[in-house]
Amino acid sequence: MTRVERIRAALEAAFAPSRLEVEDDSHRHAGHAGARDGRGHFNVLIVSPAFAGKAPLARHRAVYAALGDMMQTDIHALSIQAQTPAEAGA
């Protein structure tokens, strides 16, 4: 299973999103100090009712928690857009 697939599976299990996009942006950071240890750079767009009533920081913390150990072993940088369906216009 690729890192993108693992990230996707963890977020789907935790949030049952109506929309989920996971992009591996690691190729743009080749040679970057944080990429030397093999961890990657990723962009996530996730839309879920689970984010209703939560501040942006709480949403990000929930995503980090759902990814668990991957934040230490596979992910160096993570850009997160976490929205409710209403915010996403869905």
PDB file of N, CA and C in Angstrom:
ATOM      1  N   MET A   1       0.858  -1.177   0.000  1.00  0.00           N
ATOM      2  CA  MET A   1       0.000   0.000   0.000  1.00  0.00           C
ATOM      3  C   MET A   1       0.904   1.240   0.000  1.00  0.00           C
ATOM      4  N   THR A   2       0.621   2.188  -0.869  1.00  0.00           N
ATOM      5  CA  THR A   2       1.421   3.411  -0.942  1.00  0.00           C
ATOM      6  C   THR A   2       1.086   4.341   0.224  1.00  0.00           C
ATOM      7  N   ARG A   3       1.906   5.335   0.433  1.00  0.00           N
ATOM      8  CA  ARG A   3       1.637   6.311   1.490  1.00  0.00           C
ATOM      9  C   ARG A   3       0.308   7.026   1.247  1.00  0.00           C
ATOM     10  N   VAL A   4       0.058   7.410   0.003  1.00  0.00           N
ATOM     11  CA  VAL A   4      -1.203   8.095  -0.308  1.00  0.00           C
ATOM     12  C   VAL A   4      -2.377   7.184   0.032  1.00  0.00           C
ATOM     13  N   GLU A   5      -2.279   5.914  -0.309  1.00  0.00           N
ATOM     14  CA  GLU A   5      -3.354   4.972   0.001  1.00  0.00           C
ATOM     15  C   GLU A   5      -3.531   4.817   1.510  1.00  0.00           C
ATOM     16  N   ARG A   6      -2.429   4.780   2.247  1.00  0.00           N
ATOM     17  CA  ARG A   6      -2.506   4.663   3.711  1.00  0.00           C
ATOM     18  C   ARG A   6      -3.133   5.910   4.325  1.00  0.00           C
ATOM     19  N   ILE A   7      -2.743   7.075   3.835  1.00  0.00           N
ATOM     20  CA  ILE A   7      -3.325   8.331   4.327  1.00  0.00           C
ATOM     21  C   ILE A   7      -4.816   8.356   4.030  1.00  0.00           C
ATOM     22  N   ARG A   8      -5.160   8.019   2.805  1.00  0.00           N
ATOM     23  CA  ARG A   8      -6.569   8.000   2.387  1.00  0.00           C
ATOM     24  C   ARG A   8      -7.386   7.037   3.256  1.00  0.00           C
ATOM     25  N   ALA A   9      -6.877   5.843   3.487  1.00  0.00           N
ATOM     26  CA  ALA A   9      -7.595   4.838   4.280  1.00  0.00           C
ATOM     27  C   ALA A   9      -7.802   5.325   5.713  1.00  0.00           C
ATOM     28  N   ALA A  10      -6.787   5.929   6.301  1.00  0.00           N
ATOM     29  CA  ALA A  10      -6.910   6.416   7.679  1.00  0.00           C
ATOM     30  C   ALA A  10      -7.937   7.532   7.784  1.00  0.00           C
ATOM     31  N   LEU A  11      -7.919   8.454   6.833  1.00  0.00           N
ATOM     32  CA  LEU A  11      -8.855   9.579   6.879  1.00  0.00           C
ATOM     33  C   LEU A  11     -10.282   9.143   6.555  1.00  0.00           C
ATOM     34  N   GLU A  12     -10.435   8.205   5.642  1.00  0.00           N
ATOM     35  CA  GLU A  12     -11.780   7.683   5.343  1.00  0.00           C
ATOM     36  C   GLU A  12     -12.366   6.978   6.557  1.00  0.00           C
ATOM     37  N   ALA A  13     -11.554   6.211   7.247  1.00  0.00           N
ATOM     38  CA  ALA A  13     -12.033   5.490   8.434  1.00  0.00           C
ATOM     39  C   ALA A  13     -12.417   6.445   9.554  1.00  0.00           C
ATOM     40  N   ALA A  14     -11.669   7.525   9.711  1.00  0.00           N
ATOM     41  CA  ALA A  14     -11.908   8.447  10.821  1.00  0.00           C
ATOM     42  C   ALA A  14     -13.029   9.438  10.554  1.00  0.00           C
ATOM     43  N   PHE A  15     -13.208   9.854   9.300  1.00  0.00           N
ATOM     44  CA  PHE A  15     -14.113  10.977   9.028  1.00  0.00           C
ATOM     45  C   PHE A  15     -15.241  10.688   8.045  1.00  0.00           C
ATOM     46  N   ALA A  16     -15.246   9.550   7.374  1.00  0.00           N
ATOM     47  CA  ALA A  16     -16.252   9.241   6.352  1.00  0.00           C
ATOM     48  C   ALA A  16     -16.510  10.468   5.473  1.00  0.00           C
ATOM     49  N   PRO A  17     -15.469  10.985   4.826  1.00  0.00           N
ATOM     50  CA  PRO A  17     -15.604  12.236   4.080  1.00  0.00           C
ATOM     51  C   PRO A  17     -16.460  12.105   2.827  1.00  0.00           C
ATOM     52  N   SER A  18     -17.108  13.201   2.467  1.00  0.00           N
ATOM     53  CA  SER A  18     -17.854  13.238   1.216  1.00  0.00           C
ATOM     54  C   SER A  18     -16.912  13.581   0.064  1.00  0.00           C
ATOM     55  N   ARG A  19     -15.780  14.161   0.404  1.00  0.00           N
ATOM     56  CA  ARG A  19     -14.743  14.465  -0.587  1.00  0.00           C
ATOM     57  C   ARG A  19     -13.384  14.323   0.092  1.00  0.00           C
ATOM     58  N   LEU A  20     -12.461  13.676  -0.593  1.00  0.00           N
ATOM     59  CA  LEU A  20     -11.114  13.502  -0.057  1.00  0.00           C
ATOM     60  C   LEU A  20     -10.123  13.484  -1.209  1.00  0.00           C
ATOM     61  N   GLU A  21      -9.189  14.403  -1.156  1.00  0.00           N
ATOM     62  CA  GLU A  21      -8.112  14.454  -2.134  1.00  0.00           C
ATOM     63  C   GLU A  21      -6.802  14.414  -1.372  1.00  0.00           C
ATOM     64  N   VAL A  22      -5.930  13.515  -1.768  1.00  0.00           N
ATOM     65  CA  VAL A  22      -4.608  13.395  -1.152  1.00  0.00           C
ATOM     66  C   VAL A  22      -3.588  13.478  -2.276  1.00  0.00           C
ATOM     67  N   GLU A  23      -2.705  14.456  -2.185  1.00  0.00           N
ATOM     68  CA  GLU A  23      -1.691  14.657  -3.206  1.00  0.00           C
ATOM     69  C   GLU A  23      -0.301  14.504  -2.596  1.00  0.00           C
ATOM     70  N   ASP A  24       0.512  13.670  -3.207  1.00  0.00           N
ATOM     71  CA  ASP A  24       1.908  13.515  -2.798  1.00  0.00           C
ATOM     72  C   ASP A  24       2.711  14.587  -3.525  1.00  0.00           C
ATOM     73  N   ASP A  25       3.208  15.543  -2.770  1.00  0.00           N
ATOM     74  CA  ASP A  25       3.946  16.678  -3.319  1.00  0.00           C
ATOM     75  C   ASP A  25       5.448  16.545  -3.041  1.00  0.00           C
ATOM     76  N   SER A  26       5.880  15.353  -2.680  1.00  0.00           N
ATOM     77  CA  SER A  26       7.256  15.122  -2.259  1.00  0.00           C
ATOM     78  C   SER A  26       8.270  15.449  -3.353  1.00  0.00           C
ATOM     79  N   HIS A  27       7.912  15.191  -4.596  1.00  0.00           N
ATOM     80  CA  HIS A  27       8.849  15.421  -5.702  1.00  0.00           C
ATOM     81  C   HIS A  27       9.304  16.874  -5.786  1.00  0.00           C
ATOM     82  N   ARG A  28       8.479  17.788  -5.306  1.00  0.00           N
ATOM     83  CA  ARG A  28       8.824  19.215  -5.346  1.00  0.00           C
ATOM     84  C   ARG A  28       9.789  19.596  -4.225  1.00  0.00           C
ATOM     85  N   HIS A  29      10.056  18.677  -3.316  1.00  0.00           N
ATOM     86  CA  HIS A  29      10.896  18.975  -2.160  1.00  0.00           C
ATOM     87  C   HIS A  29      12.151  18.099  -2.120  1.00  0.00           C
ATOM     88  N   ALA A  30      12.497  17.508  -3.240  1.00  0.00           N
ATOM     89  CA  ALA A  30      13.698  16.664  -3.297  1.00  0.00           C
ATOM     90  C   ALA A  30      14.907  17.480  -2.852  1.00  0.00           C
ATOM     91  N   GLY A  31      15.697  16.901  -1.966  1.00  0.00           N
ATOM     92  CA  GLY A  31      16.874  17.591  -1.454  1.00  0.00           C
ATOM     93  C   GLY A  31      16.605  18.461  -0.241  1.00  0.00           C
ATOM     94  N   HIS A  32      15.346  18.700   0.062  1.00  0.00           N
ATOM     95  CA  HIS A  32      14.953  19.483   1.240  1.00  0.00           C
ATOM     96  C   HIS A  32      15.381  18.722   2.491  1.00  0.00           C
ATOM     97  N   ALA A  33      15.832  19.438   3.495  1.00  0.00           N
ATOM     98  CA  ALA A  33      16.331  18.802   4.719  1.00  0.00           C
ATOM     99  C   ALA A  33      15.330  17.809   5.308  1.00  0.00           C
ATOM    100  N   GLY A  34      14.068  18.156   5.325  1.00  0.00           N
ATOM    101  CA  GLY A  34      13.059  17.275   5.903  1.00  0.00           C
ATOM    102  C   GLY A  34      12.766  16.055   5.064  1.00  0.00           C
ATOM    103  N   ALA A  35      13.125  16.104   3.787  1.00  0.00           N
ATOM    104  CA  ALA A  35      12.854  14.978   2.899  1.00  0.00           C
ATOM    105  C   ALA A  35      13.987  13.961   2.903  1.00  0.00           C
ATOM    106  N   ARG A  36      15.117  14.316   3.461  1.00  0.00           N
ATOM    107  CA  ARG A  36      16.285  13.431   3.436  1.00  0.00           C
ATOM    108  C   ARG A  36      16.053  12.124   4.182  1.00  0.00           C
ATOM    109  N   ASP A  37      15.180  12.149   5.186  1.00  0.00           N
ATOM    110  CA  ASP A  37      14.931  10.928   5.957  1.00  0.00           C
ATOM    111  C   ASP A  37      13.862  10.047   5.315  1.00  0.00           C
ATOM    112  N   GLY A  38      13.400  10.430   4.130  1.00  0.00           N
ATOM    113  CA  GLY A  38      12.443   9.611   3.403  1.00  0.00           C
ATOM    114  C   GLY A  38      10.987   9.941   3.643  1.00  0.00           C
ATOM    115  N   ARG A  39      10.719  10.839   4.588  1.00  0.00           N
ATOM    116  CA  ARG A  39       9.323  11.217   4.824  1.00  0.00           C
ATOM    117  C   ARG A  39       8.882  12.183   3.738  1.00  0.00           C
ATOM    118  N   GLY A  40       7.572  12.239   3.472  1.00  0.00           N
ATOM    119  CA  GLY A  40       7.063  13.002   2.349  1.00  0.00           C
ATOM    120  C   GLY A  40       6.285  14.248   2.715  1.00  0.00           C
ATOM    121  N   HIS A  41       5.983  14.999   1.658  1.00  0.00           N
ATOM    122  CA  HIS A  41       5.174  16.212   1.737  1.00  0.00           C
ATOM    123  C   HIS A  41       3.837  15.920   1.056  1.00  0.00           C
ATOM    124  N   PHE A  42       2.741  16.213   1.738  1.00  0.00           N
ATOM    125  CA  PHE A  42       1.422  15.881   1.214  1.00  0.00           C
ATOM    126  C   PHE A  42       0.451  17.043   1.374  1.00  0.00           C
ATOM    127  N   ASN A  43      -0.514  17.103   0.457  1.00  0.00           N
ATOM    128  CA  ASN A  43      -1.623  18.055   0.533  1.00  0.00           C
ATOM    129  C   ASN A  43      -2.904  17.248   0.684  1.00  0.00           C
ATOM    130  N   VAL A  44      -3.747  17.670   1.618  1.00  0.00           N
ATOM    131  CA  VAL A  44      -5.017  16.978   1.860  1.00  0.00           C
ATOM    132  C   VAL A  44      -6.162  17.988   1.808  1.00  0.00           C
ATOM    133  N   LEU A  45      -7.176  17.650   1.044  1.00  0.00           N
ATOM    134  CA  LEU A  45      -8.447  18.367   1.061  1.00  0.00           C
ATOM    135  C   LEU A  45      -9.472  17.352   1.531  1.00  0.00           C
ATOM    136  N   ILE A  46     -10.117  17.655   2.647  1.00  0.00           N
ATOM    137  CA  ILE A  46     -11.087  16.713   3.210  1.00  0.00           C
ATOM    138  C   ILE A  46     -12.347  17.468   3.598  1.00  0.00           C
ATOM    139  N   VAL A  47     -13.477  16.929   3.192  1.00  0.00           N
ATOM    140  CA  VAL A  47     -14.785  17.522   3.489  1.00  0.00           C
ATOM    141  C   VAL A  47     -15.583  16.487   4.267  1.00  0.00           C
ATOM    142  N   SER A  48     -15.981  16.865   5.488  1.00  0.00           N
ATOM    143  CA  SER A  48     -16.709  15.924   6.335  1.00  0.00           C
ATOM    144  C   SER A  48     -17.582  16.674   7.334  1.00  0.00           C
ATOM    145  N   PRO A  49     -18.764  16.134   7.626  1.00  0.00           N
ATOM    146  CA  PRO A  49     -19.597  16.735   8.665  1.00  0.00           C
ATOM    147  C   PRO A  49     -18.939  16.663  10.046  1.00  0.00           C
ATOM    148  N   ALA A  50     -17.932  15.817  10.196  1.00  0.00           N
ATOM    149  CA  ALA A  50     -17.244  15.676  11.486  1.00  0.00           C
ATOM    150  C   ALA A  50     -16.550  16.970  11.906  1.00  0.00           C
ATOM    151  N   PHE A  51     -16.323  17.882  10.970  1.00  0.00           N
ATOM    152  CA  PHE A  51     -15.638  19.132  11.293  1.00  0.00           C
ATOM    153  C   PHE A  51     -16.597  20.245  11.746  1.00  0.00           C
ATOM    154  N   ALA A  52     -17.886  19.985  11.713  1.00  0.00           N
ATOM    155  CA  ALA A  52     -18.868  20.992  12.114  1.00  0.00           C
ATOM    156  C   ALA A  52     -18.635  21.431  13.557  1.00  0.00           C
ATOM    157  N   GLY A  53     -18.626  22.731  13.770  1.00  0.00           N
ATOM    158  CA  GLY A  53     -18.467  23.278  15.114  1.00  0.00           C
ATOM    159  C   GLY A  53     -17.045  23.276  15.633  1.00  0.00           C
ATOM    160  N   LYS A  54     -16.084  22.854  14.809  1.00  0.00           N
ATOM    161  CA  LYS A  54     -14.688  22.803  15.251  1.00  0.00           C
ATOM    162  C   LYS A  54     -13.899  23.943  14.605  1.00  0.00           C
ATOM    163  N   ALA A  55     -13.047  24.541  15.399  1.00  0.00           N
ATOM    164  CA  ALA A  55     -12.154  25.583  14.898  1.00  0.00           C
ATOM    165  C   ALA A  55     -11.107  24.951  13.990  1.00  0.00           C
ATOM    166  N   PRO A  56     -10.471  25.735  13.125  1.00  0.00           N
ATOM    167  CA  PRO A  56      -9.457  25.175  12.228  1.00  0.00           C
ATOM    168  C   PRO A  56      -8.365  24.382  12.947  1.00  0.00           C
ATOM    169  N   LEU A  57      -7.877  24.876  14.060  1.00  0.00           N
ATOM    170  CA  LEU A  57      -6.828  24.159  14.781  1.00  0.00           C
ATOM    171  C   LEU A  57      -7.324  22.798  15.273  1.00  0.00           C
ATOM    172  N   ALA A  58      -8.546  22.732  15.754  1.00  0.00           N
ATOM    173  CA  ALA A  58      -9.118  21.465  16.214  1.00  0.00           C
ATOM    174  C   ALA A  58      -9.287  20.488  15.046  1.00  0.00           C
ATOM    175  N   ARG A  59      -9.628  21.002  13.880  1.00  0.00           N
ATOM    176  CA  ARG A  59      -9.756  20.156  12.693  1.00  0.00           C
ATOM    177  C   ARG A  59      -8.402  19.561  12.322  1.00  0.00           C
ATOM    178  N   HIS A  60      -7.378  20.402  12.338  1.00  0.00           N
ATOM    179  CA  HIS A  60      -6.033  19.924  11.996  1.00  0.00           C
ATOM    180  C   HIS A  60      -5.558  18.883  13.005  1.00  0.00           C
ATOM    181  N   ARG A  61      -5.809  19.139  14.267  1.00  0.00           N
ATOM    182  CA  ARG A  61      -5.414  18.168  15.295  1.00  0.00           C
ATOM    183  C   ARG A  61      -6.126  16.840  15.109  1.00  0.00           C
ATOM    184  N   ALA A  62      -7.394  16.888  14.698  1.00  0.00           N
ATOM    185  CA  ALA A  62      -8.148  15.657  14.454  1.00  0.00           C
ATOM    186  C   ALA A  62      -7.554  14.878  13.282  1.00  0.00           C
ATOM    187  N   VAL A  63      -7.141  15.588  12.249  1.00  0.00           N
ATOM    188  CA  VAL A  63      -6.502  14.927  11.106  1.00  0.00           C
ATOM    189  C   VAL A  63      -5.179  14.302  11.534  1.00  0.00           C
ATOM    190  N   TYR A  64      -4.362  15.063  12.277  1.00  0.00           N
ATOM    191  CA  TYR A  64      -3.086  14.515  12.773  1.00  0.00           C
ATOM    192  C   TYR A  64      -3.328  13.262  13.609  1.00  0.00           C
ATOM    193  N   ALA A  65      -4.324  13.307  14.476  1.00  0.00           N
ATOM    194  CA  ALA A  65      -4.630  12.156  15.334  1.00  0.00           C
ATOM    195  C   ALA A  65      -5.045  10.948  14.490  1.00  0.00           C
ATOM    196  N   ALA A  66      -5.835  11.183  13.454  1.00  0.00           N
ATOM    197  CA  ALA A  66      -6.281  10.084  12.591  1.00  0.00           C
ATOM    198  C   ALA A  66      -5.103   9.448  11.856  1.00  0.00           C
ATOM    199  N   LEU A  67      -4.097  10.245  11.540  1.00  0.00           N
ATOM    200  CA  LEU A  67      -2.927   9.722  10.822  1.00  0.00           C
ATOM    201  C   LEU A  67      -1.940   9.045  11.757  1.00  0.00           C
ATOM    202  N   GLY A  68      -2.061   9.314  13.039  1.00  0.00           N
ATOM    203  CA  GLY A  68      -1.269   8.611  14.050  1.00  0.00           C
ATOM    204  C   GLY A  68       0.223   8.595  13.785  1.00  0.00           C
ATOM    205  N   ASP A  69       0.801   7.407  13.835  1.00  0.00           N
ATOM    206  CA  ASP A  69       2.246   7.227  13.687  1.00  0.00           C
ATOM    207  C   ASP A  69       2.784   7.685  12.337  1.00  0.00           C
ATOM    208  N   MET A  70       1.927   7.751  11.334  1.00  0.00           N
ATOM    209  CA  MET A  70       2.396   8.201  10.022  1.00  0.00           C
ATOM    210  C   MET A  70       2.978   9.612  10.081  1.00  0.00           C
ATOM    211  N   MET A  71       2.513  10.405  11.056  1.00  0.00           N
ATOM    212  CA  MET A  71       3.048  11.756  11.197  1.00  0.00           C
ATOM    213  C   MET A  71       4.518  11.715  11.613  1.00  0.00           C
ATOM    214  N   GLN A  72       4.957  10.644  12.236  1.00  0.00           N
ATOM    215  CA  GLN A  72       6.349  10.506  12.666  1.00  0.00           C
ATOM    216  C   GLN A  72       7.188   9.690  11.695  1.00  0.00           C
ATOM    217  N   THR A  73       6.553   8.779  10.971  1.00  0.00           N
ATOM    218  CA  THR A  73       7.310   7.840  10.153  1.00  0.00           C
ATOM    219  C   THR A  73       7.248   8.101   8.652  1.00  0.00           C
ATOM    220  N   ASP A  74       6.165   8.699   8.161  1.00  0.00           N
ATOM    221  CA  ASP A  74       5.955   8.844   6.721  1.00  0.00           C
ATOM    222  C   ASP A  74       5.758  10.275   6.236  1.00  0.00           C
ATOM    223  N   ILE A  75       5.321  11.150   7.127  1.00  0.00           N
ATOM    224  CA  ILE A  75       4.932  12.496   6.713  1.00  0.00           C
ATOM    225  C   ILE A  75       5.848  13.533   7.359  1.00  0.00           C
ATOM    226  N   HIS A  76       6.497  14.326   6.519  1.00  0.00           N
ATOM    227  CA  HIS A  76       7.315  15.435   7.014  1.00  0.00           C
ATOM    228  C   HIS A  76       6.488  16.718   7.056  1.00  0.00           C
ATOM    229  N   ALA A  77       5.708  16.954   6.006  1.00  0.00           N
ATOM    230  CA  ALA A  77       4.893  18.165   5.918  1.00  0.00           C
ATOM    231  C   ALA A  77       3.510  17.795   5.397  1.00  0.00           C
ATOM    232  N   LEU A  78       2.500  18.432   5.977  1.00  0.00           N
ATOM    233  CA  LEU A  78       1.118  18.140   5.602  1.00  0.00           C
ATOM    234  C   LEU A  78       0.333  19.433   5.525  1.00  0.00           C
ATOM    235  N   SER A  79      -0.140  19.754   4.327  1.00  0.00           N
ATOM    236  CA  SER A  79      -1.019  20.898   4.128  1.00  0.00           C
ATOM    237  C   SER A  79      -2.450  20.383   4.192  1.00  0.00           C
ATOM    238  N   ILE A  80      -3.270  20.982   5.065  1.00  0.00           N
ATOM    239  CA  ILE A  80      -4.624  20.477   5.295  1.00  0.00           C
ATOM    240  C   ILE A  80      -5.660  21.557   5.002  1.00  0.00           C
ATOM    241  N   GLN A  81      -6.644  21.197   4.195  1.00  0.00           N
ATOM    242  CA  GLN A  81      -7.860  21.985   4.035  1.00  0.00           C
ATOM    243  C   GLN A  81      -8.980  21.088   4.542  1.00  0.00           C
ATOM    244  N   ALA A  82      -9.511  21.388   5.706  1.00  0.00           N
ATOM    245  CA  ALA A  82     -10.566  20.581   6.318  1.00  0.00           C
ATOM    246  C   ALA A  82     -11.838  21.423   6.386  1.00  0.00           C
ATOM    247  N   GLN A  83     -12.876  20.985   5.724  1.00  0.00           N
ATOM    248  CA  GLN A  83     -14.117  21.755   5.617  1.00  0.00           C
ATOM    249  C   GLN A  83     -15.333  20.897   5.907  1.00  0.00           C
ATOM    250  N   THR A  84     -16.411  21.580   6.288  1.00  0.00           N
ATOM    251  CA  THR A  84     -17.697  20.916   6.394  1.00  0.00           C
ATOM    252  C   THR A  84     -18.313  20.920   4.991  1.00  0.00           C
ATOM    253  N   PRO A  85     -19.320  20.085   4.754  1.00  0.00           N
ATOM    254  CA  PRO A  85     -19.979  20.112   3.443  1.00  0.00           C
ATOM    255  C   PRO A  85     -20.551  21.497   3.105  1.00  0.00           C
ATOM    256  N   ALA A  86     -21.082  22.205   4.091  1.00  0.00           N
ATOM    257  CA  ALA A  86     -21.634  23.537   3.834  1.00  0.00           C
ATOM    258  C   ALA A  86     -20.540  24.507   3.395  1.00  0.00           C
ATOM    259  N   GLU A  87     -19.385  24.431   4.015  1.00  0.00           N
ATOM    260  CA  GLU A  87     -18.269  25.308   3.663  1.00  0.00           C
ATOM    261  C   GLU A  87     -17.739  25.002   2.272  1.00  0.00           C
ATOM    262  N   ALA A  88     -17.811  23.744   1.886  1.00  0.00           N
ATOM    263  CA  ALA A  88     -17.308  23.323   0.579  1.00  0.00           C
ATOM    264  C   ALA A  88     -18.348  23.511  -0.524  1.00  0.00           C
ATOM    265  N   GLY A  89     -19.558  23.878  -0.125  1.00  0.00           N
ATOM    266  CA  GLY A  89     -20.624  24.056  -1.110  1.00  0.00           C
ATOM    267  C   GLY A  89     -21.175  22.739  -1.619  1.00  0.00           C
ATOM    268  N   ALA A  90     -20.993  21.707  -0.815  1.00  0.00           N
ATOM    269  CA  ALA A  90     -21.454  20.368  -1.229  1.00  0.00           C
ATOM    270  C   ALA A  90     -22.863  20.104  -0.748  1.00  0.00           C
TER     271      ALA A  90
END
